[in-house]
PDB file of all heavy atoms in Angstrom:
ATOM      1  N   GLY A   1      -6.123 -11.169   3.058  1.00  0.00           N
ATOM      2  CA  GLY A   1      -5.077 -10.421   2.375  1.00  0.00           C
ATOM      3  C   GLY A   1      -4.090  -9.752   3.301  1.00  0.00           C
ATOM      4  O   GLY A   1      -4.422  -9.357   4.419  1.00  0.00           O
ATOM      5  N   PHE A   2      -2.874  -9.620   2.791  1.00  0.00           N
ATOM      6  CA  PHE A   2      -1.780  -9.041   3.567  1.00  0.00           C
ATOM      7  C   PHE A   2      -1.184  -7.812   2.882  1.00  0.00           C
ATOM      8  O   PHE A   2      -0.070  -7.402   3.198  1.00  0.00           O
ATOM      9  CB  PHE A   2      -0.686 -10.095   3.800  1.00  0.00           C
ATOM     10  CG  PHE A   2      -1.190 -11.297   4.553  1.00  0.00           C
ATOM     11  CD1 PHE A   2      -1.573 -12.446   3.882  1.00  0.00           C
ATOM     12  CD2 PHE A   2      -1.333 -11.257   5.929  1.00  0.00           C
ATOM     13  CE1 PHE A   2      -2.058 -13.549   4.578  1.00  0.00           C
ATOM     14  CE2 PHE A   2      -1.817 -12.345   6.639  1.00  0.00           C
ATOM     15  CZ  PHE A   2      -2.183 -13.501   5.955  1.00  0.00           C
ATOM     16  N   LEU A   3      -1.933  -7.232   1.915  1.00  0.00           N
ATOM     17  CA  LEU A   3      -1.474  -5.998   1.288  1.00  0.00           C
ATOM     18  C   LEU A   3      -1.894  -4.827   2.178  1.00  0.00           C
ATOM     19  O   LEU A   3      -2.736  -4.008   1.836  1.00  0.00           O
ATOM     20  CB  LEU A   3      -2.070  -5.840  -0.111  1.00  0.00           C
ATOM     21  CG  LEU A   3      -1.424  -4.743  -0.962  1.00  0.00           C
ATOM     22  CD1 LEU A   3      -0.037  -5.181  -1.407  1.00  0.00           C
ATOM     23  CD2 LEU A   3      -2.286  -4.410  -2.177  1.00  0.00           C
ATOM     24  N   THR A   4      -1.289  -4.791   3.357  1.00  0.00           N
ATOM     25  CA  THR A   4      -1.601  -3.761   4.344  1.00  0.00           C
ATOM     26  C   THR A   4      -0.310  -3.103   4.805  1.00  0.00           C
ATOM     27  O   THR A   4       0.764  -3.727   4.781  1.00  0.00           O
ATOM     28  CB  THR A   4      -2.327  -4.358   5.562  1.00  0.00           C
ATOM     29  OG1 THR A   4      -1.449  -5.286   6.220  1.00  0.00           O
ATOM     30  CG2 THR A   4      -3.598  -5.091   5.133  1.00  0.00           C
ATOM     31  N   LEU A   5      -0.396  -1.874   5.250  1.00  0.00           N
ATOM     32  CA  LEU A   5       0.813  -1.149   5.659  1.00  0.00           C
ATOM     33  C   LEU A   5       1.418  -1.716   6.933  1.00  0.00           C
ATOM     34  O   LEU A   5       2.604  -1.500   7.199  1.00  0.00           O
ATOM     35  CB  LEU A   5       0.479   0.335   5.824  1.00  0.00           C
ATOM     36  CG  LEU A   5       0.082   1.038   4.524  1.00  0.00           C
ATOM     37  CD1 LEU A   5      -0.304   2.482   4.800  1.00  0.00           C
ATOM     38  CD2 LEU A   5       1.210   0.973   3.495  1.00  0.00           C
ATOM     39  N   ALA A   6       0.638  -2.466   7.698  1.00  0.00           N
ATOM     40  CA  ALA A   6       1.164  -3.061   8.926  1.00  0.00           C
ATOM     41  C   ALA A   6       2.251  -4.091   8.654  1.00  0.00           C
ATOM     42  O   ALA A   6       3.032  -4.422   9.553  1.00  0.00           O
ATOM     43  CB  ALA A   6       0.030  -3.702   9.721  1.00  0.00           C
ATOM     44  N   ARG A   7       2.324  -4.589   7.424  1.00  0.00           N
ATOM     45  CA  ARG A   7       3.333  -5.599   7.111  1.00  0.00           C
ATOM     46  C   ARG A   7       4.751  -5.015   7.101  1.00  0.00           C
ATOM     47  O   ARG A   7       5.732  -5.744   7.177  1.00  0.00           O
ATOM     48  CB  ARG A   7       3.040  -6.238   5.755  1.00  0.00           C
ATOM     49  CG  ARG A   7       3.268  -5.320   4.559  1.00  0.00           C
ATOM     50  CD  ARG A   7       2.950  -6.035   3.253  1.00  0.00           C
ATOM     51  NE  ARG A   7       3.848  -7.149   3.022  1.00  0.00           N
ATOM     52  CZ  ARG A   7       3.551  -8.221   2.293  1.00  0.00           C
ATOM     53  NH1 ARG A   7       2.364  -8.328   1.746  1.00  0.00           N
ATOM     54  NH2 ARG A   7       4.424  -9.180   2.117  1.00  0.00           N
ATOM     55  N   TYR A   8       4.862  -3.678   6.991  1.00  0.00           N
ATOM     56  CA  TYR A   8       6.183  -3.048   6.912  1.00  0.00           C
ATOM     57  C   TYR A   8       6.729  -2.749   8.307  1.00  0.00           C
ATOM     58  O   TYR A   8       6.171  -1.937   9.035  1.00  0.00           O
ATOM     59  CB  TYR A   8       6.102  -1.747   6.116  1.00  0.00           C
ATOM     60  CG  TYR A   8       5.949  -1.938   4.625  1.00  0.00           C
ATOM     61  CD1 TYR A   8       4.751  -1.652   3.986  1.00  0.00           C
ATOM     62  CD2 TYR A   8       7.010  -2.405   3.855  1.00  0.00           C
ATOM     63  CE1 TYR A   8       4.609  -1.820   2.623  1.00  0.00           C
ATOM     64  CE2 TYR A   8       6.877  -2.576   2.489  1.00  0.00           C
ATOM     65  CZ  TYR A   8       5.681  -2.284   1.881  1.00  0.00           C
ATOM     66  OH  TYR A   8       5.540  -2.450   0.519  1.00  0.00           O
ATOM     67  N   GLN A   9       7.804  -3.415   8.655  1.00  0.00           N
ATOM     68  CA  GLN A   9       8.528  -3.148   9.895  1.00  0.00           C
ATOM     69  C   GLN A   9       9.864  -2.467   9.599  1.00  0.00           C
ATOM     70  O   GLN A   9      10.256  -1.529  10.276  1.00  0.00           O
ATOM     71  CB  GLN A   9       8.748  -4.452  10.670  1.00  0.00           C
ATOM     72  CG  GLN A   9       7.467  -5.232  10.942  1.00  0.00           C
ATOM     73  CD  GLN A   9       6.435  -4.441  11.725  1.00  0.00           C
ATOM     74  OE1 GLN A   9       6.764  -3.749  12.667  1.00  0.00           O
ATOM     75  NE2 GLN A   9       5.174  -4.550  11.315  1.00  0.00           N
ATOM     76  N   LYS A  10      10.549  -2.964   8.592  1.00  0.00           N
ATOM     77  CA  LYS A  10      11.795  -2.366   8.109  1.00  0.00           C
ATOM     78  C   LYS A  10      11.771  -2.392   6.591  1.00  0.00           C
ATOM     79  O   LYS A  10      11.361  -3.399   6.007  1.00  0.00           O
ATOM     80  CB  LYS A  10      13.010  -3.146   8.615  1.00  0.00           C
ATOM     81  CG  LYS A  10      13.250  -3.060  10.107  1.00  0.00           C
ATOM     82  CD  LYS A  10      14.516  -3.838  10.472  1.00  0.00           C
ATOM     83  CE  LYS A  10      14.799  -3.791  11.970  1.00  0.00           C
ATOM     84  NZ  LYS A  10      16.020  -4.530  12.326  1.00  0.00           N
ATOM     85  N   PRO A  11      12.203  -1.300   5.930  1.00  0.00           N
ATOM     86  CA  PRO A  11      12.623  -0.023   6.519  1.00  0.00           C
ATOM     87  C   PRO A  11      11.444   0.717   7.145  1.00  0.00           C
ATOM     88  O   PRO A  11      10.293   0.416   6.862  1.00  0.00           O
ATOM     89  CB  PRO A  11      13.172   0.742   5.310  1.00  0.00           C
ATOM     90  CG  PRO A  11      12.407   0.194   4.155  1.00  0.00           C
ATOM     91  CD  PRO A  11      12.212  -1.255   4.454  1.00  0.00           C
ATOM     92  N   LEU A  12      11.785   1.680   7.997  1.00  0.00           N
ATOM     93  CA  LEU A  12      10.755   2.492   8.630  1.00  0.00           C
ATOM     94  C   LEU A  12      10.045   3.353   7.580  1.00  0.00           C
ATOM     95  O   LEU A  12      10.617   3.658   6.528  1.00  0.00           O
ATOM     96  CB  LEU A  12      11.376   3.373   9.720  1.00  0.00           C
ATOM     97  CG  LEU A  12      11.979   2.618  10.915  1.00  0.00           C
ATOM     98  CD1 LEU A  12      12.640   3.595  11.872  1.00  0.00           C
ATOM     99  CD2 LEU A  12      10.905   1.792  11.629  1.00  0.00           C
ATOM    100  N   PRO A  13       8.799   3.759   7.827  1.00  0.00           N
ATOM    101  CA  PRO A  13       8.036   4.512   6.826  1.00  0.00           C
ATOM    102  C   PRO A  13       8.686   5.844   6.463  1.00  0.00           C
ATOM    103  O   PRO A  13       9.085   6.609   7.335  1.00  0.00           O
ATOM    104  CB  PRO A  13       6.684   4.743   7.517  1.00  0.00           C
ATOM    105  CG  PRO A  13       6.603   3.725   8.595  1.00  0.00           C
ATOM    106  CD  PRO A  13       8.009   3.498   9.044  1.00  0.00           C
ATOM    107  N   LYS A  14       8.783   6.087   5.165  1.00  0.00           N
ATOM    108  CA  LYS A  14       9.183   7.396   4.669  1.00  0.00           C
ATOM    109  C   LYS A  14       8.469   7.677   3.351  1.00  0.00           C
ATOM    110  O   LYS A  14       7.585   8.512   3.280  1.00  0.00           O
ATOM    111  CB  LYS A  14      10.699   7.507   4.481  1.00  0.00           C
ATOM    112  CG  LYS A  14      11.106   8.921   4.041  1.00  0.00           C
ATOM    113  CD  LYS A  14      12.591   9.051   3.788  1.00  0.00           C
ATOM    114  CE  LYS A  14      12.915  10.468   3.300  1.00  0.00           C
ATOM    115  NZ  LYS A  14      14.340  10.585   2.883  1.00  0.00           N
ATOM    116  N   ASP A  15       8.832   6.911   2.304  1.00  0.00           N
ATOM    117  CA  ASP A  15       8.224   7.104   0.992  1.00  0.00           C
ATOM    118  C   ASP A  15       7.387   5.878   0.635  1.00  0.00           C
ATOM    119  O   ASP A  15       7.902   4.756   0.596  1.00  0.00           O
ATOM    120  CB  ASP A  15       9.296   7.308  -0.081  1.00  0.00           C
ATOM    121  CG  ASP A  15      10.185   8.505   0.218  1.00  0.00           C
ATOM    122  OD1 ASP A  15       9.664   9.504   0.758  1.00  0.00           O
ATOM    123  OD2 ASP A  15      11.390   8.436  -0.079  1.00  0.00           O
ATOM    124  N   LEU A  16       6.111   6.102   0.348  1.00  0.00           N
ATOM    125  CA  LEU A  16       5.198   5.017  -0.006  1.00  0.00           C
ATOM    126  C   LEU A  16       4.817   5.155  -1.475  1.00  0.00           C
ATOM    127  O   LEU A  16       4.233   6.152  -1.888  1.00  0.00           O
ATOM    128  CB  LEU A  16       3.939   5.083   0.867  1.00  0.00           C
ATOM    129  CG  LEU A  16       2.828   4.091   0.532  1.00  0.00           C
ATOM    130  CD1 LEU A  16       3.304   2.653   0.728  1.00  0.00           C
ATOM    131  CD2 LEU A  16       1.585   4.374   1.388  1.00  0.00           C
ATOM    132  N   TRP A  17       5.141   4.129  -2.258  1.00  0.00           N
ATOM    133  CA  TRP A  17       4.786   4.083  -3.676  1.00  0.00           C
ATOM    134  C   TRP A  17       3.637   3.105  -3.854  1.00  0.00           C
ATOM    135  O   TRP A  17       3.756   1.921  -3.507  1.00  0.00           O
ATOM    136  CB  TRP A  17       5.982   3.624  -4.513  1.00  0.00           C
ATOM    137  CG  TRP A  17       7.133   4.592  -4.550  1.00  0.00           C
ATOM    138  CD1 TRP A  17       7.995   4.872  -3.532  1.00  0.00           C
ATOM    139  CD2 TRP A  17       7.541   5.392  -5.652  1.00  0.00           C
ATOM    140  NE1 TRP A  17       8.920   5.800  -3.932  1.00  0.00           N
ATOM    141  CE2 TRP A  17       8.675   6.136  -5.233  1.00  0.00           C
ATOM    142  CE3 TRP A  17       7.074   5.555  -6.959  1.00  0.00           C
ATOM    143  CZ2 TRP A  17       9.338   7.019  -6.085  1.00  0.00           C
ATOM    144  CZ3 TRP A  17       7.735   6.437  -7.811  1.00  0.00           C
ATOM    145  CH2 TRP A  17       8.852   7.165  -7.374  1.00  0.00           C
ATOM    146  N   LEU A  18       2.527   3.579  -4.401  1.00  0.00           N
ATOM    147  CA  LEU A  18       1.358   2.751  -4.670  1.00  0.00           C
ATOM    148  C   LEU A  18       1.194   2.675  -6.187  1.00  0.00           C
ATOM    149  O   LEU A  18       0.839   3.661  -6.835  1.00  0.00           O
ATOM    150  CB  LEU A  18       0.113   3.369  -4.030  1.00  0.00           C
ATOM    151  CG  LEU A  18       0.202   3.629  -2.517  1.00  0.00           C
ATOM    152  CD1 LEU A  18      -1.032   4.391  -2.031  1.00  0.00           C
ATOM    153  CD2 LEU A  18       0.371   2.323  -1.746  1.00  0.00           C
ATOM    154  N   LEU A  19       1.454   1.502  -6.762  1.00  0.00           N
ATOM    155  CA  LEU A  19       1.458   1.332  -8.214  1.00  0.00           C
ATOM    156  C   LEU A  19       0.293   0.438  -8.612  1.00  0.00           C
ATOM    157  O   LEU A  19       0.241  -0.733  -8.245  1.00  0.00           O
ATOM    158  CB  LEU A  19       2.783   0.721  -8.677  1.00  0.00           C
ATOM    159  CG  LEU A  19       4.065   1.395  -8.149  1.00  0.00           C
ATOM    160  CD1 LEU A  19       5.304   0.732  -8.758  1.00  0.00           C
ATOM    161  CD2 LEU A  19       4.063   2.896  -8.445  1.00  0.00           C
ATOM    162  N   ALA A  20      -0.646   0.991  -9.384  1.00  0.00           N
ATOM    163  CA  ALA A  20      -1.879   0.277  -9.695  1.00  0.00           C
ATOM    164  C   ALA A  20      -2.202   0.322 -11.174  1.00  0.00           C
ATOM    165  O   ALA A  20      -1.917   1.305 -11.869  1.00  0.00           O
ATOM    166  CB  ALA A  20      -3.047   0.882  -8.910  1.00  0.00           C
ATOM    167  N   THR A  21      -2.823  -0.754 -11.644  1.00  0.00           N
ATOM    168  CA  THR A  21      -3.473  -0.744 -12.952  1.00  0.00           C
ATOM    169  C   THR A  21      -4.941  -1.092 -12.755  1.00  0.00           C
ATOM    170  O   THR A  21      -5.289  -1.934 -11.926  1.00  0.00           O
ATOM    171  CB  THR A  21      -2.850  -1.774 -13.918  1.00  0.00           C
ATOM    172  OG1 THR A  21      -2.891  -3.070 -13.327  1.00  0.00           O
ATOM    173  CG2 THR A  21      -1.421  -1.408 -14.259  1.00  0.00           C
ATOM    174  N   GLY A  22      -5.813  -0.423 -13.523  1.00  0.00           N
ATOM    175  CA  GLY A  22      -7.227  -0.759 -13.522  1.00  0.00           C
ATOM    176  C   GLY A  22      -7.853  -0.756 -12.143  1.00  0.00           C
ATOM    177  O   GLY A  22      -7.636   0.146 -11.329  1.00  0.00           O
ATOM    178  N   THR A  23      -8.631  -1.815 -11.864  1.00  0.00           N
ATOM    179  CA  THR A  23      -9.340  -1.900 -10.591  1.00  0.00           C
ATOM    180  C   THR A  23      -8.408  -2.207  -9.423  1.00  0.00           C
ATOM    181  O   THR A  23      -8.848  -2.222  -8.271  1.00  0.00           O
ATOM    182  CB  THR A  23     -10.449  -2.961 -10.663  1.00  0.00           C
ATOM    183  OG1 THR A  23      -9.888  -4.208 -11.065  1.00  0.00           O
ATOM    184  CG2 THR A  23     -11.522  -2.544 -11.659  1.00  0.00           C
ATOM    185  N   GLY A  24      -7.124  -2.428  -9.713  1.00  0.00           N
ATOM    186  CA  GLY A  24      -6.137  -2.577  -8.646  1.00  0.00           C
ATOM    187  C   GLY A  24      -5.965  -1.312  -7.832  1.00  0.00           C
ATOM    188  O   GLY A  24      -5.278  -1.308  -6.800  1.00  0.00           O
ATOM    189  N   LEU A  25      -6.597  -0.232  -8.266  1.00  0.00           N
ATOM    190  CA  LEU A  25      -6.587   1.014  -7.493  1.00  0.00           C
ATOM    191  C   LEU A  25      -7.316   0.869  -6.163  1.00  0.00           C
ATOM    192  O   LEU A  25      -7.033   1.594  -5.199  1.00  0.00           O
ATOM    193  CB  LEU A  25      -7.248   2.114  -8.330  1.00  0.00           C
ATOM    194  CG  LEU A  25      -7.419   3.488  -7.691  1.00  0.00           C
ATOM    195  CD1 LEU A  25      -6.065   4.179  -7.525  1.00  0.00           C
ATOM    196  CD2 LEU A  25      -8.348   4.361  -8.552  1.00  0.00           C
ATOM    197  N   ALA A  26      -8.258  -0.053  -6.086  1.00  0.00           N
ATOM    198  CA  ALA A  26      -9.185  -0.140  -4.951  1.00  0.00           C
ATOM    199  C   ALA A  26      -8.516  -0.153  -3.574  1.00  0.00           C
ATOM    200  O   ALA A  26      -8.841   0.679  -2.721  1.00  0.00           O
ATOM    201  CB  ALA A  26     -10.095  -1.362  -5.113  1.00  0.00           C
ATOM    202  N   PRO A  27      -7.584  -1.081  -3.294  1.00  0.00           N
ATOM    203  CA  PRO A  27      -7.022  -1.105  -1.936  1.00  0.00           C
ATOM    204  C   PRO A  27      -6.248   0.148  -1.588  1.00  0.00           C
ATOM    205  O   PRO A  27      -6.172   0.528  -0.418  1.00  0.00           O
ATOM    206  CB  PRO A  27      -6.121  -2.341  -1.954  1.00  0.00           C
ATOM    207  CG  PRO A  27      -5.778  -2.549  -3.382  1.00  0.00           C
ATOM    208  CD  PRO A  27      -7.008  -2.136  -4.138  1.00  0.00           C
ATOM    209  N   PHE A  28      -5.685   0.814  -2.595  1.00  0.00           N
ATOM    210  CA  PHE A  28      -4.916   2.021  -2.332  1.00  0.00           C
ATOM    211  C   PHE A  28      -5.827   3.188  -1.961  1.00  0.00           C
ATOM    212  O   PHE A  28      -5.473   4.028  -1.130  1.00  0.00           O
ATOM    213  CB  PHE A  28      -4.045   2.367  -3.537  1.00  0.00           C
ATOM    214  CG  PHE A  28      -3.061   1.277  -3.891  1.00  0.00           C
ATOM    215  CD1 PHE A  28      -2.634   1.099  -5.198  1.00  0.00           C
ATOM    216  CD2 PHE A  28      -2.557   0.431  -2.913  1.00  0.00           C
ATOM    217  CE1 PHE A  28      -1.719   0.112  -5.521  1.00  0.00           C
ATOM    218  CE2 PHE A  28      -1.643  -0.574  -3.227  1.00  0.00           C
ATOM    219  CZ  PHE A  28      -1.232  -0.727  -4.542  1.00  0.00           C
ATOM    220  N   LEU A  29      -7.004   3.244  -2.570  1.00  0.00           N
ATOM    221  CA  LEU A  29      -7.960   4.277  -2.160  1.00  0.00           C
ATOM    222  C   LEU A  29      -8.372   4.072  -0.714  1.00  0.00           C
ATOM    223  O   LEU A  29      -8.542   5.033   0.036  1.00  0.00           O
ATOM    224  CB  LEU A  29      -9.191   4.243  -3.070  1.00  0.00           C
ATOM    225  CG  LEU A  29      -9.000   4.779  -4.487  1.00  0.00           C
ATOM    226  CD1 LEU A  29     -10.286   4.627  -5.289  1.00  0.00           C
ATOM    227  CD2 LEU A  29      -8.552   6.231  -4.470  1.00  0.00           C
ATOM    228  N   SER A  30      -8.522   2.819  -0.311  1.00  0.00           N
ATOM    229  CA  SER A  30      -8.862   2.540   1.087  1.00  0.00           C
ATOM    230  C   SER A  30      -7.758   3.034   2.020  1.00  0.00           C
ATOM    231  O   SER A  30      -8.023   3.689   3.031  1.00  0.00           O
ATOM    232  CB  SER A  30      -9.094   1.036   1.277  1.00  0.00           C
ATOM    233  OG  SER A  30      -9.490   0.752   2.604  1.00  0.00           O
ATOM    234  N   MET A  31      -6.511   2.742   1.674  1.00  0.00           N
ATOM    235  CA  MET A  31      -5.382   3.190   2.496  1.00  0.00           C
ATOM    236  C   MET A  31      -5.327   4.709   2.587  1.00  0.00           C
ATOM    237  O   MET A  31      -5.005   5.270   3.647  1.00  0.00           O
ATOM    238  CB  MET A  31      -4.072   2.683   1.899  1.00  0.00           C
ATOM    239  CG  MET A  31      -3.893   1.188   1.955  1.00  0.00           C
ATOM    240  SD  MET A  31      -2.368   0.693   1.103  1.00  0.00           S
ATOM    241  CE  MET A  31      -2.627  -1.080   0.985  1.00  0.00           C
ATOM    242  N   LEU A  32      -5.634   5.379   1.472  1.00  0.00           N
ATOM    243  CA  LEU A  32      -5.536   6.835   1.438  1.00  0.00           C
ATOM    244  C   LEU A  32      -6.716   7.523   2.111  1.00  0.00           C
ATOM    245  O   LEU A  32      -6.765   8.746   2.203  1.00  0.00           O
ATOM    246  CB  LEU A  32      -5.403   7.307  -0.015  1.00  0.00           C
ATOM    247  CG  LEU A  32      -4.056   6.944  -0.659  1.00  0.00           C
ATOM    248  CD1 LEU A  32      -4.083   7.227  -2.153  1.00  0.00           C
ATOM    249  CD2 LEU A  32      -2.915   7.692   0.012  1.00  0.00           C
TER     250      LEU A  32
END
């Protein structure tokens, strides 16, 4: 999987929106 924050080069990090339904919450809890 490539749903990782390392994939973002541009734009530079400022505001991160994590939008989940149901069990799609899982990877975001890992990031947090």
